[in-house]
Amino acid sequence: MDNTSSLVNRKRVHPLNDKRVQPLKSGTIIYWMSREKRLEDNWGLIYGLELAWRHAQSFSIIYTLYNDIFKENPRADLFSITGLIETAERAEELGVDFTVLSGREPADLILEYESTHTVSAVICDFHPLRFQQQEQIKLAAHSDAPVFEVDSHNIVPARVVSDHQEFGAHTLRIKIERLLPEFLTDFPNLFDLISKVMLKKAPKVMKKNTEGTREKLFRTMESEESCKRIIIGEEFQPGSRAGTNKLMDFIENKLYAYAADRNNPTLEAVSGLSPYFNSGQISPQRAALLISIIYQGTPLKNGILDELIVRRELSDNFCFYTSDYENMAGFPNWAKQSLKEHREDLREYIYTLEEFENSDTHDPLWNAAQKQLVLTGKMHGYMRMYWAKKILEWTLSPEQALKYAITLNDRYALDGRDPNGYAGCAWAIGGLHDRAWKSRPVFGKIRYMNYNGCKRKFDVVEYINKIESIS
């Protein structure tokens, strides 16, 4: 590693203010960990370590706990924080300082830390969602240090692949295919980076252990009564190790049948990796690297790589460039017009949010999907499409349907409050990333799904019985 080469493609790095890194005596490079809650395969962490080495600075990881943690989706927060404890333990093993801050808004916590420490730079994770963006913008505006955003969630960085909301998967896929060889590269070995580079070149990078951090995270969970009532099933054990094991199990035992069986919810053909990607416990890029070795030369639009790269990054593109990702204003114009024309259509059934939440509809298939979400924190992808489209059919308006779908998904899903969820609801209810179909009552030109269509795809009785067995 010389003075000109970089471990991180600089196109991943976006400055959020115009300040420069200063080689301050006893200065610290901060990596503000948020979206990516792992050490391995993390470009933001790698960039922070690289800056620390180049400028002979110390290095610290900071994680900021939200004030409303365990309030909106206790199960997802428990999953996330339990995995974060493993990350803190890994940091302690490697001798890297890891601090958890709480009690105020995230940006204010970092600024308060800056007031008592000499901070040379702050590295942030890329976020496409509104609140996190606002917090990073606030930090950059008030920090005396340079603030950099690093995209470690998207294989091709969202800011690089496109500068606007893409029409659909096919338009984004073309751009990703062109840039993928540049960005789908392996990561430096973290242990080697710390032991061979940091310890030799900048001994100050290593600081205290993280025992206090782990204790604080444990206390945070133990203080919440809701956490004591939450059950996370064996299928989704938190943490980077569990996520890596699930990834390897999928590659070794399920990948061969994925393309043929992924839309059958009675089979165990899907990867189950989205909670680990969403919480930042494993890297989508690592998964893509391993799978691409097997599928070398396979077109991107086929199977798992399309889901893993194009579809997932399309969701980030939608939320990043669309401020209205949570409401009907974010739907394409043709869909908004069509839904408007059918706004007054007669609905055969109308349900309240409470009835939906309690799986209290006339449709046993829909009820089973909702029960799966509530009981396990996950719903099969094909059923999630059916689930959301029926909410459109059984509510008073598209606005109400979108609100109900987002509320239930964000309240119960382990991968809730995520761009994939917002884009998925907008696709099912508002035609996002889709085309106009034959016009129908209530749906207008939105793609339609029904019970009989599901029966032609899979054994619905088997699926219902499967969910009832875990009730």
Protein backbone atom coordinates (compact mmCIF):
# COMPACT_ATOMS: atom_id res chain seq x y z
CA MET A 1 0.00 0.00 0.00
CA ASP A 2 1.69 3.22 -1.14
CA ASN A 3 0.77 6.90 -0.79
CA THR A 4 -1.26 7.07 -4.00
CA SER A 5 -3.17 3.80 -4.14
CA SER A 6 -6.41 3.39 -2.20
CA LEU A 7 -8.07 0.39 -0.66
CA VAL A 8 -11.47 1.92 -1.43
CA ASN A 9 -12.70 3.01 -4.85
CA ARG A 10 -12.99 6.78 -4.34
CA LYS A 11 -16.23 6.82 -6.29
CA ARG A 12 -17.78 5.16 -3.24
CA VAL A 13 -16.80 8.17 -1.15
CA HIS A 14 -18.95 11.30 -1.21
CA PRO A 15 -17.91 14.41 0.79
CA LEU A 16 -20.81 15.94 2.71
CA ASN A 17 -18.97 19.20 3.40
CA ASP A 18 -15.95 21.02 1.96
CA LYS A 19 -13.53 20.54 4.85
CA ARG A 20 -10.27 18.64 4.50
CA VAL A 21 -8.66 16.07 6.77
CA GLN A 22 -6.05 17.75 8.95
CA PRO A 23 -3.07 15.80 10.38
CA LEU A 24 -3.90 16.93 13.90
CA LYS A 25 -1.80 15.81 16.83
CA SER A 26 -3.75 13.16 18.77
CA GLY A 27 -6.59 13.46 16.28
CA THR A 28 -9.18 10.72 15.78
CA ILE A 29 -10.90 9.39 12.67
CA ILE A 30 -14.48 8.43 13.55
CA TYR A 31 -16.47 5.82 11.70
CA TRP A 32 -20.12 6.54 12.54
CA MET A 33 -21.56 3.04 12.14
CA SER A 34 -25.29 3.00 11.38
CA ARG A 35 -26.56 1.09 8.37
CA GLU A 36 -23.63 -1.33 8.18
CA LYS A 37 -23.35 -3.01 11.59
CA ARG A 38 -20.35 -5.22 10.88
CA LEU A 39 -16.58 -5.03 10.72
CA GLU A 40 -15.76 -7.38 7.86
CA ASP A 41 -16.61 -6.42 4.27
CA ASN A 42 -17.40 -2.80 5.15
CA TRP A 43 -16.06 -0.11 2.83
CA GLY A 44 -16.87 2.71 5.26
CA LEU A 45 -14.85 1.08 8.02
CA ILE A 46 -12.02 0.33 5.61
CA TYR A 47 -11.95 3.94 4.42
CA GLY A 48 -11.83 5.20 8.00
CA LEU A 49 -8.92 2.88 8.83
CA GLU A 50 -7.14 3.99 5.68
CA LEU A 51 -7.50 7.67 6.60
CA ALA A 52 -6.24 6.91 10.11
CA TRP A 53 -3.17 5.20 8.66
CA ARG A 54 -2.41 7.91 6.12
CA HIS A 55 -2.76 10.76 8.59
CA ALA A 56 -1.29 8.96 11.64
CA GLN A 57 -4.54 9.35 13.54
CA SER A 58 -6.31 7.17 16.09
CA PHE A 59 -9.52 5.43 15.04
CA SER A 60 -12.87 4.94 16.76
CA ILE A 61 -16.20 3.39 15.85
CA ILE A 62 -19.28 5.17 17.20
CA TYR A 63 -22.82 3.81 17.12
CA THR A 64 -25.76 6.05 18.07
CA LEU A 65 -28.87 4.50 19.60
CA TYR A 66 -32.19 6.04 18.53
CA ASN A 67 -34.40 7.44 21.27
CA ASP A 68 -37.39 5.40 20.06
CA ILE A 69 -35.56 2.08 19.87
CA PHE A 70 -37.80 -0.94 20.66
CA LYS A 71 -40.91 1.21 20.23
CA GLU A 72 -41.92 0.76 16.57
CA ASN A 73 -40.58 -2.72 15.76
CA PRO A 74 -39.13 -4.33 18.90
CA ARG A 75 -38.28 -7.60 17.17
CA ALA A 76 -36.27 -5.95 14.38
CA ASP A 77 -34.50 -3.73 16.92
CA LEU A 78 -33.69 -6.72 19.12
CA PHE A 79 -32.34 -8.56 16.07
CA SER A 80 -30.23 -5.53 15.16
CA ILE A 81 -28.86 -4.80 18.64
CA THR A 82 -28.10 -8.46 19.38
CA GLY A 83 -26.07 -8.57 16.18
CA LEU A 84 -24.38 -5.31 17.15
CA ILE A 85 -23.18 -6.87 20.41
CA GLU A 86 -21.39 -9.51 18.34
CA THR A 87 -19.81 -6.70 16.31
CA ALA A 88 -18.65 -4.99 19.51
CA GLU A 89 -17.10 -8.25 20.69
CA ARG A 90 -15.31 -8.59 17.36
CA ALA A 91 -13.99 -5.04 17.71
CA GLU A 92 -12.67 -5.91 21.17
CA GLU A 93 -10.91 -8.98 19.76
CA LEU A 94 -9.17 -6.75 17.21
CA GLY A 95 -8.40 -3.96 19.69
CA VAL A 96 -10.54 -1.34 17.94
CA ASP A 97 -12.33 1.29 20.02
CA PHE A 98 -16.14 0.97 19.83
CA THR A 99 -18.41 3.43 21.63
CA VAL A 100 -22.22 3.55 21.86
CA LEU A 101 -23.87 6.93 22.43
CA SER A 102 -27.51 7.57 23.33
CA GLY A 103 -29.91 10.14 24.76
CA ARG A 104 -30.18 12.66 21.91
CA GLU A 105 -30.65 12.78 18.16
CA PRO A 106 -27.82 10.98 16.29
CA ALA A 107 -26.13 14.03 14.75
CA ASP A 108 -26.25 15.87 18.08
CA LEU A 109 -24.53 12.93 19.76
CA ILE A 110 -21.66 13.02 17.25
CA LEU A 111 -21.34 16.80 17.59
CA GLU A 112 -21.28 16.51 21.37
CA TYR A 113 -18.54 13.89 21.07
CA GLU A 114 -16.58 16.29 18.83
CA SER A 115 -16.80 18.98 21.52
CA THR A 116 -14.76 16.83 23.92
CA HIS A 117 -12.46 15.02 21.45
CA THR A 118 -10.11 16.10 18.68
CA VAL A 119 -11.85 14.71 15.61
CA SER A 120 -10.05 14.78 12.27
CA ALA A 121 -12.82 13.29 10.10
CA VAL A 122 -16.16 11.50 10.34
CA ILE A 123 -17.10 8.62 8.00
CA CYS A 124 -20.83 7.88 7.58
CA ASP A 125 -22.73 5.03 5.96
CA PHE A 126 -24.83 5.78 2.87
CA HIS A 127 -28.53 6.07 3.68
CA PRO A 128 -31.34 6.50 1.13
CA LEU A 129 -34.02 7.20 3.75
CA ARG A 130 -35.05 10.70 4.73
CA PHE A 131 -34.32 10.87 8.47
CA GLN A 132 -30.82 9.43 8.24
CA GLN A 133 -29.97 11.75 5.34
CA GLN A 134 -31.17 14.75 7.32
CA GLU A 135 -29.08 13.79 10.34
CA GLN A 136 -25.94 13.42 8.22
CA ILE A 137 -26.57 16.75 6.49
CA LYS A 138 -26.99 18.40 9.92
CA LEU A 139 -23.74 16.85 11.13
CA ALA A 140 -21.85 17.97 8.03
CA ALA A 141 -23.18 21.53 8.36
CA HIS A 142 -22.12 21.93 12.00
CA SER A 143 -19.02 19.77 12.26
CA ASP A 144 -15.57 21.33 12.29
CA ALA A 145 -14.26 18.15 10.68
CA PRO A 146 -14.74 16.80 7.15
CA VAL A 147 -17.67 14.39 6.86
CA PHE A 148 -17.63 11.66 4.23
CA GLU A 149 -20.38 9.28 3.15
CA VAL A 150 -19.31 5.81 1.96
CA ASP A 151 -21.73 3.48 0.17
CA SER A 152 -21.05 -0.05 1.38
CA HIS A 153 -24.65 -1.23 0.96
CA ASN A 154 -24.87 -1.03 -2.83
CA ILE A 155 -22.38 -2.90 -4.95
CA VAL A 156 -22.49 -0.08 -7.49
CA PRO A 157 -22.86 3.08 -5.36
CA ALA A 158 -26.30 4.67 -5.64
CA ARG A 159 -24.88 8.12 -6.40
CA VAL A 160 -22.65 6.67 -9.13
CA VAL A 161 -25.01 4.36 -10.99
CA SER A 162 -27.70 7.01 -11.55
CA ASP A 163 -28.46 10.65 -10.77
CA HIS A 164 -32.25 10.27 -10.93
CA GLN A 165 -35.09 7.87 -10.13
CA GLU A 166 -34.94 4.99 -12.59
CA PHE A 167 -38.05 3.91 -14.49
CA GLY A 168 -37.61 0.24 -13.71
CA ALA A 169 -35.29 -2.70 -13.29
CA HIS A 170 -34.39 -2.84 -16.97
CA THR A 171 -33.11 0.75 -17.08
CA LEU A 172 -31.03 0.35 -13.90
CA ARG A 173 -29.75 -3.08 -14.95
CA ILE A 174 -28.12 -1.67 -18.07
CA LYS A 175 -26.19 0.85 -15.98
CA ILE A 176 -25.20 -1.66 -13.32
CA GLU A 177 -23.93 -4.16 -15.91
CA ARG A 178 -21.65 -1.52 -17.34
CA LEU A 179 -20.18 -0.60 -13.94
CA LEU A 180 -20.20 -3.95 -12.18
CA PRO A 181 -16.66 -5.04 -13.17
CA GLU A 182 -15.29 -1.87 -11.57
CA PHE A 183 -17.14 -2.25 -8.27
CA LEU A 184 -17.70 -5.98 -7.72
CA THR A 185 -14.24 -6.44 -6.23
CA ASP A 186 -13.08 -8.29 -3.15
CA PHE A 187 -12.48 -6.60 0.19
CA PRO A 188 -9.14 -6.24 1.94
CA ASN A 189 -8.67 -8.67 4.81
CA LEU A 190 -9.66 -6.75 7.93
CA PHE A 191 -7.23 -8.53 10.24
CA ASP A 192 -4.35 -7.90 7.85
CA LEU A 193 -5.37 -4.25 7.49
CA ILE A 194 -5.30 -3.71 11.23
CA SER A 195 -2.36 -5.90 12.21
CA LYS A 196 -0.03 -5.39 9.24
CA VAL A 197 -0.85 -1.80 8.33
CA MET A 198 -2.33 0.00 11.29
CA LEU A 199 -0.18 -1.46 14.04
CA LYS A 200 3.00 -0.87 12.02
CA LYS A 201 2.20 2.58 10.64
CA ALA A 202 -0.07 4.16 13.24
CA PRO A 203 0.04 2.48 16.66
CA LYS A 204 -2.29 5.17 18.06
CA VAL A 205 -5.13 3.64 16.09
CA MET A 206 -5.69 1.04 18.82
CA LYS A 207 -7.36 2.29 21.95
CA LYS A 208 -9.40 0.88 24.82
CA ASN A 209 -11.46 -2.31 24.78
CA THR A 210 -15.22 -2.36 24.25
CA GLU A 211 -16.43 -4.15 27.36
CA GLY A 212 -18.41 -1.07 28.45
CA THR A 213 -20.07 -0.90 25.04
CA ARG A 214 -21.34 -4.47 25.26
CA GLU A 215 -22.63 -3.89 28.77
CA LYS A 216 -24.50 -0.77 27.64
CA LEU A 217 -26.16 -2.64 24.79
CA PHE A 218 -27.16 -5.47 27.11
CA ARG A 219 -28.58 -2.99 29.62
CA THR A 220 -30.52 -1.27 26.85
CA MET A 221 -32.23 -4.55 25.94
CA GLU A 222 -32.78 -5.67 29.53
CA SER A 223 -34.44 -2.37 30.42
CA GLU A 224 -37.13 -2.89 27.80
CA GLU A 225 -39.98 -5.08 28.96
CA SER A 226 -41.07 -5.60 25.34
CA CYS A 227 -37.77 -7.37 24.58
CA LYS A 228 -38.47 -10.01 27.19
CA ARG A 229 -41.60 -11.05 25.30
CA ILE A 230 -39.99 -11.25 21.87
CA ILE A 231 -39.09 -14.56 20.30
CA ILE A 232 -36.68 -14.70 17.36
CA GLY A 233 -36.93 -18.14 15.83
CA GLU A 234 -34.06 -20.44 14.99
CA GLU A 235 -34.41 -19.48 11.33
CA PHE A 236 -33.17 -15.94 11.97
CA GLN A 237 -30.52 -15.91 14.65
CA PRO A 238 -28.93 -12.44 14.80
CA GLY A 239 -25.35 -11.57 14.01
CA SER A 240 -22.76 -11.66 11.27
CA ARG A 241 -21.74 -15.25 12.01
CA ALA A 242 -25.33 -16.49 11.76
CA GLY A 243 -25.87 -14.45 8.59
CA THR A 244 -22.71 -15.85 7.01
CA ASN A 245 -23.77 -19.38 7.92
CA LYS A 246 -27.17 -18.79 6.33
CA LEU A 247 -25.51 -17.44 3.18
CA MET A 248 -23.25 -20.48 2.90
CA ASP A 249 -26.16 -22.85 3.54
CA PHE A 250 -28.13 -21.16 0.77
CA ILE A 251 -25.25 -21.44 -1.70
CA GLU A 252 -24.52 -25.06 -0.85
CA ASN A 253 -28.07 -26.41 -0.51
CA LYS A 254 -30.63 -24.11 -2.13
CA LEU A 255 -29.03 -22.07 -4.89
CA TYR A 256 -29.39 -24.79 -7.52
CA ALA A 257 -33.19 -24.77 -7.17
CA TYR A 258 -33.71 -21.06 -6.55
CA ALA A 259 -34.78 -20.04 -10.06
CA ALA A 260 -37.36 -22.83 -10.33
CA ASP A 261 -38.74 -22.79 -6.78
CA ARG A 262 -38.39 -19.25 -5.43
CA ASN A 263 -42.07 -18.33 -6.05
CA ASN A 264 -43.41 -21.37 -4.20
CA PRO A 265 -43.95 -20.45 -0.53
CA THR A 266 -44.43 -24.10 0.48
CA LEU A 267 -40.76 -24.77 -0.34
CA GLU A 268 -37.64 -23.56 1.46
CA ALA A 269 -36.04 -22.20 -1.70
CA VAL A 270 -35.48 -18.53 -0.79
CA SER A 271 -32.31 -17.32 0.88
CA GLY A 272 -33.76 -15.67 4.00
CA LEU A 273 -30.90 -13.17 3.87
CA SER A 274 -32.81 -9.90 3.69
CA PRO A 275 -32.91 -9.30 7.49
CA TYR A 276 -29.12 -9.66 7.58
CA PHE A 277 -28.66 -7.31 4.62
CA ASN A 278 -31.15 -4.82 6.02
CA SER A 279 -29.52 -4.71 9.45
CA GLY A 280 -26.04 -4.54 7.92
CA GLN A 281 -24.89 -7.78 9.55
CA ILE A 282 -23.57 -9.25 6.30
CA SER A 283 -22.50 -7.63 3.05
CA PRO A 284 -24.56 -7.98 -0.15
CA GLN A 285 -21.29 -7.58 -2.03
CA ARG A 286 -19.77 -10.59 -0.29
CA ALA A 287 -22.84 -12.63 -1.24
CA ALA A 288 -22.61 -11.44 -4.84
CA LEU A 289 -18.91 -12.28 -5.02
CA LEU A 290 -19.51 -15.85 -3.84
CA ILE A 291 -22.53 -16.44 -6.07
CA SER A 292 -20.93 -14.86 -9.14
CA ILE A 293 -18.13 -17.41 -8.96
CA ILE A 294 -20.74 -20.12 -9.49
CA TYR A 295 -22.78 -18.19 -12.07
CA GLN A 296 -19.86 -16.76 -14.00
CA GLY A 297 -21.05 -15.61 -17.41
CA THR A 298 -24.75 -15.83 -16.50
CA PRO A 299 -26.78 -12.75 -17.53
CA LEU A 300 -27.52 -10.47 -14.59
CA LYS A 301 -31.26 -10.56 -15.21
CA ASN A 302 -31.46 -14.26 -14.39
CA GLY A 303 -32.31 -15.48 -10.89
CA ILE A 304 -30.56 -14.68 -7.66
CA LEU A 305 -28.05 -12.12 -8.91
CA ASP A 306 -30.85 -9.99 -10.30
CA GLU A 307 -32.64 -10.07 -6.94
CA LEU A 308 -29.45 -9.51 -4.99
CA ILE A 309 -28.03 -6.68 -7.08
CA VAL A 310 -30.53 -5.02 -9.42
CA ARG A 311 -33.80 -5.31 -7.50
CA ARG A 312 -32.25 -4.45 -4.16
CA GLU A 313 -30.34 -1.47 -5.52
CA LEU A 314 -33.42 -0.32 -7.44
CA SER A 315 -35.16 0.10 -4.07
CA ASP A 316 -32.32 2.30 -2.80
CA ASN A 317 -32.52 4.33 -6.01
CA PHE A 318 -36.27 4.85 -5.52
CA CYS A 319 -36.03 6.03 -1.92
CA PHE A 320 -32.91 8.14 -2.46
CA TYR A 321 -34.32 10.11 -5.38
CA THR A 322 -38.00 10.13 -4.32
CA SER A 323 -38.91 12.09 -1.21
CA ASP A 324 -42.47 10.71 -1.47
CA TYR A 325 -41.47 7.07 -1.12
CA GLU A 326 -44.05 6.59 1.66
CA ASN A 327 -47.08 8.09 -0.07
CA MET A 328 -49.07 8.01 -3.29
CA ALA A 329 -47.20 10.98 -4.77
CA GLY A 330 -44.31 8.58 -5.39
CA PHE A 331 -46.39 6.42 -7.75
CA PRO A 332 -45.86 6.77 -11.52
CA ASN A 333 -48.27 9.18 -13.22
CA TRP A 334 -50.14 6.49 -15.17
CA ALA A 335 -50.86 4.62 -11.92
CA LYS A 336 -51.97 7.72 -10.03
CA GLN A 337 -54.38 8.58 -12.84
CA SER A 338 -55.75 5.05 -13.11
CA LEU A 339 -56.25 4.70 -9.36
CA LYS A 340 -57.97 8.08 -9.31
CA GLU A 341 -60.41 6.93 -11.98
CA HIS A 342 -61.33 3.87 -9.87
CA ARG A 343 -61.33 5.57 -6.48
CA GLU A 344 -65.12 5.28 -6.09
CA ASP A 345 -65.38 1.67 -7.26
CA LEU A 346 -67.38 -0.64 -5.02
CA ARG A 347 -65.22 -2.79 -2.71
CA GLU A 348 -66.66 -6.18 -1.84
CA TYR A 349 -64.82 -6.19 1.48
CA ILE A 350 -63.50 -3.37 3.66
CA TYR A 351 -61.24 -4.07 6.63
CA THR A 352 -59.75 -1.91 9.36
CA LEU A 353 -56.06 -1.87 10.23
CA GLU A 354 -56.83 -3.86 13.38
CA GLU A 355 -58.66 -6.54 11.38
CA PHE A 356 -55.73 -6.84 8.99
CA GLU A 357 -53.26 -6.95 11.87
CA ASN A 358 -55.21 -9.74 13.56
CA SER A 359 -55.50 -11.81 10.35
CA ASP A 360 -59.25 -11.37 10.51
CA THR A 361 -60.29 -11.36 6.82
CA HIS A 362 -62.44 -13.73 4.79
CA ASP A 363 -59.38 -15.04 2.91
CA PRO A 364 -57.50 -17.89 4.68
CA LEU A 365 -54.52 -17.48 2.35
CA TRP A 366 -54.13 -13.79 3.18
CA ASN A 367 -54.63 -14.53 6.86
CA ALA A 368 -51.87 -17.13 6.72
CA ALA A 369 -49.45 -14.64 5.15
CA GLN A 370 -50.19 -12.06 7.84
CA LYS A 371 -49.76 -14.70 10.56
CA GLN A 372 -46.41 -15.67 9.08
CA LEU A 373 -45.31 -12.03 9.27
CA VAL A 374 -46.48 -11.57 12.87
CA LEU A 375 -45.19 -14.90 14.15
CA THR A 376 -41.83 -15.10 12.39
CA GLY A 377 -40.98 -11.57 11.29
CA LYS A 378 -40.78 -12.72 7.68
CA MET A 379 -43.18 -13.33 4.83
CA HIS A 380 -42.37 -15.21 1.63
CA GLY A 381 -41.73 -12.75 -1.21
CA TYR A 382 -44.49 -14.06 -3.46
CA MET A 383 -46.99 -13.90 -0.62
CA ARG A 384 -45.91 -10.36 0.23
CA MET A 385 -47.00 -9.29 -3.26
CA TYR A 386 -50.38 -10.97 -2.85
CA TRP A 387 -50.70 -9.61 0.70
CA ALA A 388 -50.16 -5.98 -0.35
CA LYS A 389 -52.41 -6.17 -3.42
CA LYS A 390 -55.28 -7.50 -1.36
CA ILE A 391 -54.86 -4.62 1.06
CA LEU A 392 -55.44 -2.33 -1.94
CA GLU A 393 -58.57 -4.29 -2.85
CA TRP A 394 -60.00 -4.27 0.69
CA THR A 395 -59.45 -0.67 1.81
CA LEU A 396 -61.26 2.58 1.10
CA SER A 397 -58.51 4.22 -0.96
CA PRO A 398 -54.99 3.68 -2.35
CA GLU A 399 -53.66 6.10 0.27
CA GLN A 400 -55.14 4.02 3.07
CA ALA A 401 -53.89 0.80 1.49
CA LEU A 402 -50.32 2.09 1.27
CA LYS A 403 -50.45 3.38 4.84
CA TYR A 404 -51.73 0.05 6.18
CA ALA A 405 -49.20 -2.02 4.22
CA ILE A 406 -46.24 0.10 5.33
CA THR A 407 -47.48 0.17 8.93
CA LEU A 408 -47.79 -3.61 9.16
CA ASN A 409 -44.53 -4.28 7.35
CA ASP A 410 -42.59 -1.79 9.46
CA ARG A 411 -44.19 -3.02 12.68
CA TYR A 412 -43.52 -6.74 12.27
CA ALA A 413 -40.95 -7.51 9.56
CA LEU A 414 -37.35 -8.19 10.53
CA ASP A 415 -36.45 -6.33 7.34
CA GLY A 416 -39.00 -3.57 7.90
CA ARG A 417 -38.29 0.19 7.69
CA ASP A 418 -36.14 -0.55 4.66
CA PRO A 419 -36.12 0.66 1.03
CA ASN A 420 -37.10 -2.83 -0.16
CA GLY A 421 -40.27 -2.59 1.92
CA TYR A 422 -41.23 0.88 0.71
CA ALA A 423 -40.51 0.02 -2.92
CA GLY A 424 -42.33 -3.31 -2.63
CA CYS A 425 -45.49 -1.70 -1.24
CA ALA A 426 -45.34 1.00 -3.92
CA TRP A 427 -44.95 -1.68 -6.62
CA ALA A 428 -47.91 -3.76 -5.40
CA ILE A 429 -50.27 -0.87 -4.71
CA GLY A 430 -49.04 1.89 -6.99
CA GLY A 431 -47.44 0.27 -10.05
CA LEU A 432 -43.91 1.43 -9.24
CA HIS A 433 -41.30 -0.07 -11.59
CA ASP A 434 -44.13 -1.83 -13.46
CA ARG A 435 -46.24 -1.23 -16.56
CA ALA A 436 -49.95 -0.62 -17.02
CA TRP A 437 -52.10 -3.75 -17.26
CA LYS A 438 -55.67 -4.42 -18.32
CA SER A 439 -58.02 -2.17 -16.35
CA ARG A 440 -60.06 -3.76 -13.53
CA PRO A 441 -62.41 -2.47 -10.82
CA VAL A 442 -60.57 -0.95 -7.84
CA PHE A 443 -57.12 -1.85 -9.23
CA GLY A 444 -57.42 0.18 -12.39
CA LYS A 445 -54.35 -0.69 -14.45
CA ILE A 446 -52.31 -1.92 -11.48
CA ARG A 447 -51.11 -5.52 -11.85
CA TYR A 448 -53.73 -7.88 -10.40
CA MET A 449 -53.32 -11.00 -8.25
CA ASN A 450 -55.98 -13.31 -6.85
CA TYR A 451 -56.50 -16.52 -4.89
CA ASN A 452 -57.03 -18.69 -7.98
CA GLY A 453 -53.80 -17.42 -9.48
CA CYS A 454 -51.97 -18.51 -6.35
CA LYS A 455 -53.62 -21.94 -6.57
CA ARG A 456 -52.12 -22.36 -10.02
CA LYS A 457 -48.66 -21.48 -8.65
CA PHE A 458 -48.53 -23.62 -5.52
CA ASP A 459 -50.55 -25.70 -3.06
CA VAL A 460 -52.29 -22.98 -1.04
CA VAL A 461 -53.75 -25.47 1.45
CA GLU A 462 -50.28 -26.80 2.20
CA TYR A 463 -49.05 -23.25 2.77
CA ILE A 464 -51.97 -22.40 5.07
CA ASN A 465 -51.49 -25.60 7.07
CA LYS A 466 -47.78 -24.91 7.33
CA ILE A 467 -48.42 -21.50 8.90
CA GLU A 468 -51.15 -22.83 11.17
CA SER A 469 -48.71 -25.40 12.52
CA ILE A 470 -46.53 -22.64 13.97
CA SER A 471 -49.42 -20.56 15.34
